[in-house]
Amino acid sequence: MARTTSDSVYAVTIQNLGLYRIRAFAAYPRLTHAIFSRRGGVSQEPYHWLNLGSAVGDDPNAVEKNFQQACAALEVLPEQAVSCHLVHGVDILTATQSRRQQFMGKADGLITNEPDVYLFMRFADCTPLIFFDPLGGAVGLTHAGWRGTMQNAAGATVSAMVGRLGCQPENIMAVIGPAIGPCCYEVGPDVIAAAEKSFSNSAGLFIGGNGNVKFDMWEANRRQLAASGVKQIIQSEICTACHTAEFFSHRAEQGRTGRFGVVIGLRGAAGA
């Protein structure tokens, strides 16, 4: 049975930027990772402060400065970071030293097993899925909104890590990062209908009724990770809509807000 843990992330401040680290990853010194909060940075309201999203209406100079500060806090060169244009799907791109560019294309997942390639994505309620295979020396990062969740973005990432990078599912550690929780994610008939097609016992993913139905994206992604053979599933259990002092929330802030960043990668031997 897949083991799910909570109380698994902790907050730190580095160079005046607030970020969260995953406790289980601390045993691996070559692994660099961060779930950035909104604390720190230079963006002004309503994007205050560490907005890392360039397509939300913020001052591009402020976003670039925030990105530079985030990279510096992790001792990562900006040119080592790779990202993609999120499209709420399940396409997974493989990043390598020879195919490393700031935006690699349209996709919702990135994987790599090469050092000094840092996967970088932005979120504001959708679910960050963070992957690490310590035996295979591989990492992954996926954006799972409700549409991607219904298409099994979690399973697509595991399959890509297995098929392309030679990982074994049972060796992969998967983290369900801060995202809008079942306490706040009210949905309509479209999401309910999609879940009925995508999940057995979909009723267990919904709370409430009579026009006030909430969807549990955390549990939906946990189920898919477990079905993919992942044995260690780590839940952050942080609702972005409940914690807008720490994280951006598209839903709670009525769409006028920024995006927080998530980064993961493996340092080369010189940085070990």
C-alpha atoms as a PDB file:
ATOM      1  CA  MET A   1       0.000   0.000   0.000  1.00  0.00           C
ATOM      2  CA  ALA A   2       1.250   3.471  -0.796  1.00  0.00           C
ATOM      3  CA  ARG A   3       2.285   5.348   2.317  1.00  0.00           C
ATOM      4  CA  THR A   4       0.995   8.902   2.652  1.00  0.00           C
ATOM      5  CA  THR A   5       2.655  11.289   5.075  1.00  0.00           C
ATOM      6  CA  SER A   6       1.791  14.773   6.253  1.00  0.00           C
ATOM      7  CA  ASP A   7       3.613  17.331   8.412  1.00  0.00           C
ATOM      8  CA  SER A   8       6.201  16.965   5.685  1.00  0.00           C
ATOM      9  CA  VAL A   9       7.249  20.483   4.665  1.00  0.00           C
ATOM     10  CA  TYR A  10       8.930  23.212   6.658  1.00  0.00           C
ATOM     11  CA  ALA A  11       9.414  26.918   6.082  1.00  0.00           C
ATOM     12  CA  VAL A  12      12.765  28.670   5.807  1.00  0.00           C
ATOM     13  CA  THR A  13      13.934  32.139   4.789  1.00  0.00           C
ATOM     14  CA  ILE A  14      16.880  32.532   2.423  1.00  0.00           C
ATOM     15  CA  GLN A  15      18.062  35.960   1.296  1.00  0.00           C
ATOM     16  CA  ASN A  16      14.764  37.459   2.492  1.00  0.00           C
ATOM     17  CA  LEU A  17      12.699  35.040   0.386  1.00  0.00           C
ATOM     18  CA  GLY A  18      10.238  32.687   2.048  1.00  0.00           C
ATOM     19  CA  LEU A  19      10.207  29.127   0.830  1.00  0.00           C
ATOM     20  CA  TYR A  20       9.271  25.630   1.897  1.00  0.00           C
ATOM     21  CA  ARG A  21      11.429  22.520   1.857  1.00  0.00           C
ATOM     22  CA  ILE A  22      10.365  18.880   1.840  1.00  0.00           C
ATOM     23  CA  ARG A  23      11.579  17.118   4.957  1.00  0.00           C
ATOM     24  CA  ALA A  24      12.115  13.746   3.278  1.00  0.00           C
ATOM     25  CA  PHE A  25      14.437  15.320   0.693  1.00  0.00           C
ATOM     26  CA  ALA A  26      16.890  16.596   3.307  1.00  0.00           C
ATOM     27  CA  ALA A  27      18.831  13.319   3.234  1.00  0.00           C
ATOM     28  CA  TYR A  28      19.976  13.953  -0.350  1.00  0.00           C
ATOM     29  CA  PRO A  29      22.595  16.733  -0.501  1.00  0.00           C
ATOM     30  CA  ARG A  30      22.750  16.847  -4.299  1.00  0.00           C
ATOM     31  CA  LEU A  31      19.026  17.536  -4.527  1.00  0.00           C
ATOM     32  CA  THR A  32      18.047  21.185  -4.809  1.00  0.00           C
ATOM     33  CA  HIS A  33      14.394  22.024  -4.377  1.00  0.00           C
ATOM     34  CA  ALA A  34      12.078  24.754  -3.161  1.00  0.00           C
ATOM     35  CA  ILE A  35       8.406  25.602  -2.968  1.00  0.00           C
ATOM     36  CA  PHE A  36       8.536  29.388  -2.895  1.00  0.00           C
ATOM     37  CA  SER A  37       5.948  31.317  -0.948  1.00  0.00           C
ATOM     38  CA  ARG A  38       4.928  34.845  -1.928  1.00  0.00           C
ATOM     39  CA  ARG A  39       7.111  36.335   0.816  1.00  0.00           C
ATOM     40  CA  GLY A  40      10.011  38.448  -0.452  1.00  0.00           C
ATOM     41  CA  GLY A  41      10.386  39.838  -3.940  1.00  0.00           C
ATOM     42  CA  VAL A  42       9.547  43.240  -5.390  1.00  0.00           C
ATOM     43  CA  SER A  43       6.140  42.981  -7.093  1.00  0.00           C
ATOM     44  CA  GLN A  44       3.427  45.413  -6.039  1.00  0.00           C
ATOM     45  CA  GLU A  45      -0.244  44.725  -5.279  1.00  0.00           C
ATOM     46  CA  PRO A  46      -2.088  42.661  -6.313  1.00  0.00           C
ATOM     47  CA  TYR A  47       0.971  40.579  -7.254  1.00  0.00           C
ATOM     48  CA  HIS A  48       2.831  41.220  -4.032  1.00  0.00           C
ATOM     49  CA  TRP A  49       5.515  40.076  -3.531  1.00  0.00           C
ATOM     50  CA  LEU A  50       7.442  37.175  -5.029  1.00  0.00           C
ATOM     51  CA  ASN A  51       5.365  36.803  -8.170  1.00  0.00           C
ATOM     52  CA  LEU A  52       7.118  34.521 -10.653  1.00  0.00           C
ATOM     53  CA  GLY A  53       4.367  34.510 -13.275  1.00  0.00           C
ATOM     54  CA  SER A  54       5.045  36.571 -16.382  1.00  0.00           C
ATOM     55  CA  ALA A  55       1.545  36.298 -17.914  1.00  0.00           C
ATOM     56  CA  VAL A  56      -0.638  37.721 -15.140  1.00  0.00           C
ATOM     57  CA  GLY A  57      -0.249  41.466 -15.774  1.00  0.00           C
ATOM     58  CA  ASP A  58       2.638  42.216 -13.451  1.00  0.00           C
ATOM     59  CA  ASP A  59       5.524  44.516 -14.365  1.00  0.00           C
ATOM     60  CA  PRO A  60       7.913  42.332 -16.431  1.00  0.00           C
ATOM     61  CA  ASN A  61      10.934  43.967 -14.784  1.00  0.00           C
ATOM     62  CA  ALA A  62       9.614  43.027 -11.345  1.00  0.00           C
ATOM     63  CA  VAL A  63       8.980  39.432 -12.442  1.00  0.00           C
ATOM     64  CA  GLU A  64      12.484  39.145 -13.849  1.00  0.00           C
ATOM     65  CA  LYS A  65      13.994  40.555 -10.676  1.00  0.00           C
ATOM     66  CA  ASN A  66      11.976  38.077  -8.622  1.00  0.00           C
ATOM     67  CA  PHE A  67      13.206  35.227 -10.813  1.00  0.00           C
ATOM     68  CA  GLN A  68      16.807  36.337 -10.441  1.00  0.00           C
ATOM     69  CA  GLN A  69      16.392  36.513  -6.659  1.00  0.00           C
ATOM     70  CA  ALA A  70      14.802  33.054  -6.520  1.00  0.00           C
ATOM     71  CA  CYS A  71      17.661  31.554  -8.512  1.00  0.00           C
ATOM     72  CA  ALA A  72      20.247  33.282  -6.325  1.00  0.00           C
ATOM     73  CA  ALA A  73      18.588  31.945  -3.166  1.00  0.00           C
ATOM     74  CA  LEU A  74      19.060  28.405  -4.474  1.00  0.00           C
ATOM     75  CA  GLU A  75      22.528  29.069  -5.938  1.00  0.00           C
ATOM     76  CA  VAL A  76      21.194  28.200  -9.367  1.00  0.00           C
ATOM     77  CA  LEU A  77      22.158  30.074 -12.512  1.00  0.00           C
ATOM     78  CA  PRO A  78      19.092  31.467 -14.312  1.00  0.00           C
ATOM     79  CA  GLU A  79      20.161  29.779 -17.535  1.00  0.00           C
ATOM     80  CA  GLN A  80      20.097  26.400 -15.758  1.00  0.00           C
ATOM     81  CA  ALA A  81      16.345  26.699 -15.115  1.00  0.00           C
ATOM     82  CA  VAL A  82      13.903  25.202 -17.613  1.00  0.00           C
ATOM     83  CA  SER A  83      10.153  25.652 -17.795  1.00  0.00           C
ATOM     84  CA  CYS A  84       7.231  25.231 -20.185  1.00  0.00           C
ATOM     85  CA  HIS A  85       4.014  26.939 -21.241  1.00  0.00           C
ATOM     86  CA  LEU A  86       1.265  25.317 -19.180  1.00  0.00           C
ATOM     87  CA  VAL A  87      -1.774  24.156 -21.135  1.00  0.00           C
ATOM     88  CA  HIS A  88      -3.728  22.006 -18.606  1.00  0.00           C
ATOM     89  CA  GLY A  89      -2.845  18.746 -20.347  1.00  0.00           C
ATOM     90  CA  VAL A  90      -0.652  15.708 -19.719  1.00  0.00           C
ATOM     91  CA  ASP A  91       2.269  16.135 -22.118  1.00  0.00           C
ATOM     92  CA  ILE A  92       5.626  15.564 -20.397  1.00  0.00           C
ATOM     93  CA  LEU A  93       8.881  16.987 -21.787  1.00  0.00           C
ATOM     94  CA  THR A  94      12.367  15.643 -21.063  1.00  0.00           C
ATOM     95  CA  ALA A  95      14.944  18.323 -20.271  1.00  0.00           C
ATOM     96  CA  THR A  96      18.644  17.723 -20.918  1.00  0.00           C
ATOM     97  CA  GLN A  97      21.800  19.782 -20.993  1.00  0.00           C
ATOM     98  CA  SER A  98      21.628  19.884 -24.786  1.00  0.00           C
ATOM     99  CA  ARG A  99      17.878  20.717 -24.797  1.00  0.00           C
ATOM    100  CA  ARG A 100      17.838  23.241 -21.988  1.00  0.00           C
ATOM    101  CA  GLN A 101      15.934  26.451 -22.640  1.00  0.00           C
ATOM    102  CA  GLN A 102      13.846  28.766 -20.512  1.00  0.00           C
ATOM    103  CA  PHE A 103      10.568  27.669 -22.125  1.00  0.00           C
ATOM    104  CA  MET A 104      10.763  24.283 -23.781  1.00  0.00           C
ATOM    105  CA  GLY A 105       7.301  24.271 -25.297  1.00  0.00           C
ATOM    106  CA  LYS A 106       3.676  23.608 -24.405  1.00  0.00           C
ATOM    107  CA  ALA A 107       3.379  20.951 -21.718  1.00  0.00           C
ATOM    108  CA  ASP A 108       2.443  20.418 -18.087  1.00  0.00           C
ATOM    109  CA  GLY A 109       5.271  18.186 -16.959  1.00  0.00           C
ATOM    110  CA  LEU A 110       9.059  18.158 -17.043  1.00  0.00           C
ATOM    111  CA  ILE A 111      11.493  15.353 -16.184  1.00  0.00           C
ATOM    112  CA  THR A 112      15.270  14.984 -16.232  1.00  0.00           C
ATOM    113  CA  ASN A 113      18.059  12.726 -15.023  1.00  0.00           C
ATOM    114  CA  GLU A 114      20.868  15.112 -15.896  1.00  0.00           C
ATOM    115  CA  PRO A 115      22.639  17.297 -13.322  1.00  0.00           C
ATOM    116  CA  ASP A 116      22.413  21.081 -13.244  1.00  0.00           C
ATOM    117  CA  VAL A 117      19.069  21.115 -15.052  1.00  0.00           C
ATOM    118  CA  TYR A 118      16.511  22.714 -12.742  1.00  0.00           C
ATOM    119  CA  LEU A 119      12.826  22.232 -13.453  1.00  0.00           C
ATOM    120  CA  PHE A 120      10.780  25.342 -12.714  1.00  0.00           C
ATOM    121  CA  MET A 121       7.006  25.906 -12.746  1.00  0.00           C
ATOM    122  CA  ARG A 122       4.489  28.410 -11.412  1.00  0.00           C
ATOM    123  CA  PHE A 123       1.245  27.801  -9.523  1.00  0.00           C
ATOM    124  CA  ALA A 124      -1.728  29.544  -7.903  1.00  0.00           C
ATOM    125  CA  ASP A 125      -4.204  26.802  -6.800  1.00  0.00           C
ATOM    126  CA  CYS A 126      -3.399  24.035  -9.296  1.00  0.00           C
ATOM    127  CA  THR A 127      -1.529  21.102  -7.796  1.00  0.00           C
ATOM    128  CA  PRO A 128       2.275  20.926  -7.935  1.00  0.00           C
ATOM    129  CA  LEU A 129       3.419  17.310  -8.227  1.00  0.00           C
ATOM    130  CA  ILE A 130       7.092  16.942  -7.354  1.00  0.00           C
ATOM    131  CA  PHE A 131       8.970  13.722  -8.140  1.00  0.00           C
ATOM    132  CA  PHE A 132      12.358  12.372  -7.040  1.00  0.00           C
ATOM    133  CA  ASP A 133      13.910   8.974  -7.667  1.00  0.00           C
ATOM    134  CA  PRO A 134      17.016   8.784  -5.470  1.00  0.00           C
ATOM    135  CA  LEU A 135      18.125   5.457  -6.959  1.00  0.00           C
ATOM    136  CA  GLY A 136      17.625   6.448 -10.572  1.00  0.00           C
ATOM    137  CA  GLY A 137      18.932   9.980 -10.083  1.00  0.00           C
ATOM    138  CA  ALA A 138      15.894  11.552 -11.700  1.00  0.00           C
ATOM    139  CA  VAL A 139      13.442  14.334 -10.900  1.00  0.00           C
ATOM    140  CA  GLY A 140      10.114  15.506 -12.255  1.00  0.00           C
ATOM    141  CA  LEU A 141       7.712  18.403 -11.839  1.00  0.00           C
ATOM    142  CA  THR A 142       4.103  18.506 -13.022  1.00  0.00           C
ATOM    143  CA  HIS A 143       1.259  21.020 -13.029  1.00  0.00           C
ATOM    144  CA  ALA A 144      -2.065  19.292 -12.311  1.00  0.00           C
ATOM    145  CA  GLY A 145      -5.119  21.492 -12.559  1.00  0.00           C
ATOM    146  CA  TRP A 146      -8.512  19.824 -12.617  1.00  0.00           C
ATOM    147  CA  ARG A 147      -8.321  19.147 -16.341  1.00  0.00           C
ATOM    148  CA  GLY A 148      -4.854  17.626 -16.053  1.00  0.00           C
ATOM    149  CA  THR A 149      -5.954  15.626 -13.031  1.00  0.00           C
ATOM    150  CA  MET A 150      -8.897  14.166 -14.943  1.00  0.00           C
ATOM    151  CA  GLN A 151      -6.416  13.097 -17.642  1.00  0.00           C
ATOM    152  CA  ASN A 152      -4.063  11.559 -15.052  1.00  0.00           C
ATOM    153  CA  ALA A 153      -1.118  13.943 -15.233  1.00  0.00           C
ATOM    154  CA  ALA A 154       0.363  12.156 -12.218  1.00  0.00           C
ATOM    155  CA  GLY A 155       0.360   8.808 -13.968  1.00  0.00           C
ATOM    156  CA  ALA A 156       1.695  10.321 -17.183  1.00  0.00           C
ATOM    157  CA  THR A 157       4.710  11.691 -15.301  1.00  0.00           C
ATOM    158  CA  VAL A 158       5.468   8.377 -13.629  1.00  0.00           C
ATOM    159  CA  SER A 159       5.167   6.597 -16.979  1.00  0.00           C
ATOM    160  CA  ALA A 160       7.551   9.094 -18.586  1.00  0.00           C
ATOM    161  CA  MET A 161      10.113   8.665 -15.812  1.00  0.00           C
ATOM    162  CA  VAL A 162       9.892   4.887 -16.185  1.00  0.00           C
ATOM    163  CA  GLY A 163       9.884   4.744 -19.978  1.00  0.00           C
ATOM    164  CA  ARG A 164      12.419   7.462 -20.741  1.00  0.00           C
ATOM    165  CA  LEU A 165      14.675   7.610 -17.696  1.00  0.00           C
ATOM    166  CA  GLY A 166      14.656   3.988 -16.566  1.00  0.00           C
ATOM    167  CA  CYS A 167      13.093   4.662 -13.160  1.00  0.00           C
ATOM    168  CA  GLN A 168      11.091   2.132 -11.170  1.00  0.00           C
ATOM    169  CA  PRO A 169       7.775   3.402  -9.759  1.00  0.00           C
ATOM    170  CA  GLU A 170       8.436   1.963  -6.316  1.00  0.00           C
ATOM    171  CA  ASN A 171      11.632   4.029  -6.036  1.00  0.00           C
ATOM    172  CA  ILE A 172       9.929   7.338  -6.838  1.00  0.00           C
ATOM    173  CA  MET A 173       9.050   9.739  -4.035  1.00  0.00           C
ATOM    174  CA  ALA A 174       6.103  11.947  -5.011  1.00  0.00           C
ATOM    175  CA  VAL A 175       5.027  15.146  -3.268  1.00  0.00           C
ATOM    176  CA  ILE A 176       1.593  16.738  -3.557  1.00  0.00           C
ATOM    177  CA  GLY A 177       2.461  20.389  -2.990  1.00  0.00           C
ATOM    178  CA  PRO A 178       0.409  23.371  -1.812  1.00  0.00           C
ATOM    179  CA  ALA A 179      -2.811  23.674  -3.823  1.00  0.00           C
ATOM    180  CA  ILE A 180      -6.418  24.592  -3.305  1.00  0.00           C
ATOM    181  CA  GLY A 181      -7.847  22.070  -0.874  1.00  0.00           C
ATOM    182  CA  PRO A 182     -11.131  20.225  -0.453  1.00  0.00           C
ATOM    183  CA  CYS A 183     -12.073  22.867   2.091  1.00  0.00           C
ATOM    184  CA  CYS A 184     -12.243  25.572  -0.605  1.00  0.00           C
ATOM    185  CA  TYR A 185     -12.427  24.092  -4.096  1.00  0.00           C
ATOM    186  CA  GLU A 186     -16.075  24.488  -5.014  1.00  0.00           C
ATOM    187  CA  VAL A 187     -16.841  23.038  -8.437  1.00  0.00           C
ATOM    188  CA  GLY A 188     -19.682  22.746 -10.907  1.00  0.00           C
ATOM    189  CA  PRO A 189     -21.295  20.028 -13.053  1.00  0.00           C
ATOM    190  CA  ASP A 190     -18.415  19.959 -15.565  1.00  0.00           C
ATOM    191  CA  VAL A 191     -15.896  18.825 -12.956  1.00  0.00           C
ATOM    192  CA  ILE A 192     -18.343  16.363 -11.406  1.00  0.00           C
ATOM    193  CA  ALA A 193     -19.068  14.788 -14.799  1.00  0.00           C
ATOM    194  CA  ALA A 194     -15.368  14.579 -15.685  1.00  0.00           C
ATOM    195  CA  ALA A 195     -14.547  12.902 -12.373  1.00  0.00           C
ATOM    196  CA  GLU A 196     -17.289  10.316 -12.885  1.00  0.00           C
ATOM    197  CA  LYS A 197     -15.596   9.319 -16.148  1.00  0.00           C
ATOM    198  CA  SER A 198     -12.050   9.363 -14.764  1.00  0.00           C
ATOM    199  CA  PHE A 199     -12.378   7.776 -11.329  1.00  0.00           C
ATOM    200  CA  SER A 200     -14.064   4.747  -9.856  1.00  0.00           C
ATOM    201  CA  ASN A 201     -15.884   5.722  -6.671  1.00  0.00           C
ATOM    202  CA  SER A 202     -15.709   9.362  -7.712  1.00  0.00           C
ATOM    203  CA  ALA A 203     -18.265  10.218  -5.041  1.00  0.00           C
ATOM    204  CA  GLY A 204     -15.471   9.864  -2.494  1.00  0.00           C
ATOM    205  CA  LEU A 205     -13.722  12.840  -4.068  1.00  0.00           C
ATOM    206  CA  PHE A 206     -16.569  15.265  -3.400  1.00  0.00           C
ATOM    207  CA  ILE A 207     -17.791  16.984  -0.263  1.00  0.00           C
ATOM    208  CA  GLY A 208     -21.208  18.607   0.185  1.00  0.00           C
ATOM    209  CA  GLY A 209     -24.168  18.818  -2.147  1.00  0.00           C
ATOM    210  CA  ASN A 210     -27.196  20.853  -3.211  1.00  0.00           C
ATOM    211  CA  GLY A 211     -25.204  23.225  -5.411  1.00  0.00           C
ATOM    212  CA  ASN A 212     -22.276  23.545  -3.015  1.00  0.00           C
ATOM    213  CA  VAL A 213     -19.941  20.710  -3.999  1.00  0.00           C
ATOM    214  CA  LYS A 214     -16.208  20.748  -3.290  1.00  0.00           C
ATOM    215  CA  PHE A 215     -13.626  18.578  -5.041  1.00  0.00           C
ATOM    216  CA  ASP A 216     -10.611  16.948  -3.360  1.00  0.00           C
ATOM    217  CA  MET A 217      -7.787  17.359  -5.880  1.00  0.00           C
ATOM    218  CA  TRP A 218      -5.256  16.231  -3.274  1.00  0.00           C
ATOM    219  CA  GLU A 219      -6.939  12.848  -2.924  1.00  0.00           C
ATOM    220  CA  ALA A 220      -7.536  12.525  -6.663  1.00  0.00           C
ATOM    221  CA  ASN A 221      -3.826  12.922  -7.372  1.00  0.00           C
ATOM    222  CA  ARG A 222      -2.900  10.643  -4.464  1.00  0.00           C
ATOM    223  CA  ARG A 223      -5.067   7.884  -5.940  1.00  0.00           C
ATOM    224  CA  GLN A 224      -3.432   8.257  -9.339  1.00  0.00           C
ATOM    225  CA  LEU A 225       0.067   8.203  -7.909  1.00  0.00           C
ATOM    226  CA  ALA A 226      -0.718   5.055  -5.927  1.00  0.00           C
ATOM    227  CA  ALA A 227      -2.258   3.405  -9.001  1.00  0.00           C
ATOM    228  CA  SER A 228       0.954   4.201 -10.904  1.00  0.00           C
ATOM    229  CA  GLY A 229       2.988   2.180  -8.413  1.00  0.00           C
ATOM    230  CA  VAL A 230       4.413   5.019  -6.318  1.00  0.00           C
ATOM    231  CA  LYS A 231       4.956   3.785  -2.765  1.00  0.00           C
ATOM    232  CA  GLN A 232       5.918   6.981  -0.958  1.00  0.00           C
ATOM    233  CA  ILE A 233       3.414   9.794  -1.394  1.00  0.00           C
ATOM    234  CA  ILE A 234       4.024  12.940   0.624  1.00  0.00           C
ATOM    235  CA  GLN A 235       1.143  15.340   1.223  1.00  0.00           C
ATOM    236  CA  SER A 236       1.896  18.961   2.056  1.00  0.00           C
ATOM    237  CA  GLU A 237      -1.764  19.461   3.054  1.00  0.00           C
ATOM    238  CA  ILE A 238      -1.495  23.236   2.560  1.00  0.00           C
ATOM    239  CA  CYS A 239      -4.508  24.924   0.983  1.00  0.00           C
ATOM    240  CA  THR A 240      -3.449  27.926  -1.081  1.00  0.00           C
ATOM    241  CA  ALA A 241      -6.901  29.527  -0.817  1.00  0.00           C
ATOM    242  CA  CYS A 242      -6.753  29.349   2.979  1.00  0.00           C
ATOM    243  CA  HIS A 243      -3.226  30.770   3.160  1.00  0.00           C
ATOM    244  CA  THR A 244      -3.081  33.777   0.851  1.00  0.00           C
ATOM    245  CA  ALA A 245      -0.548  35.457   3.135  1.00  0.00           C
ATOM    246  CA  GLU A 246       1.860  32.700   2.078  1.00  0.00           C
ATOM    247  CA  PHE A 247       0.716  31.610  -1.367  1.00  0.00           C
ATOM    248  CA  PHE A 248      -1.022  33.071  -4.394  1.00  0.00           C
ATOM    249  CA  SER A 249      -4.561  31.772  -4.963  1.00  0.00           C
ATOM    250  CA  HIS A 250      -6.373  32.419  -8.212  1.00  0.00           C
ATOM    251  CA  ARG A 251      -9.694  31.398  -6.666  1.00  0.00           C
ATOM    252  CA  ALA A 252      -9.447  33.253  -3.350  1.00  0.00           C
ATOM    253  CA  GLU A 253      -8.065  36.424  -4.954  1.00  0.00           C
ATOM    254  CA  GLN A 254     -10.602  36.511  -7.810  1.00  0.00           C
ATOM    255  CA  GLY A 255      -8.011  36.014 -10.515  1.00  0.00           C
ATOM    256  CA  ARG A 256      -5.941  39.141  -9.806  1.00  0.00           C
ATOM    257  CA  THR A 257      -2.850  37.634  -8.260  1.00  0.00           C
ATOM    258  CA  GLY A 258       0.582  36.240  -8.984  1.00  0.00           C
ATOM    259  CA  ARG A 259       2.153  32.796  -9.200  1.00  0.00           C
ATOM    260  CA  PHE A 260       4.491  31.079  -6.761  1.00  0.00           C
ATOM    261  CA  GLY A 261       7.357  28.981  -8.042  1.00  0.00           C
ATOM    262  CA  VAL A 262       8.457  25.386  -7.512  1.00  0.00           C
ATOM    263  CA  VAL A 263      11.978  24.241  -8.419  1.00  0.00           C
ATOM    264  CA  ILE A 264      13.717  20.867  -8.356  1.00  0.00           C
ATOM    265  CA  GLY A 265      17.012  19.617  -9.789  1.00  0.00           C
ATOM    266  CA  LEU A 266      20.226  17.715  -9.047  1.00  0.00           C
ATOM    267  CA  ARG A 267      23.559  19.398  -8.688  1.00  0.00           C
ATOM    268  CA  GLY A 268      26.572  18.139 -10.565  1.00  0.00           C
ATOM    269  CA  ALA A 269      29.520  16.597  -8.728  1.00  0.00           C
ATOM    270  CA  ALA A 270      31.144  19.989  -8.138  1.00  0.00           C
ATOM    271  CA  GLY A 271      28.065  21.143  -6.237  1.00  0.00           C
ATOM    272  CA  ALA A 272      27.520  17.953  -4.244  1.00  0.00           C
END
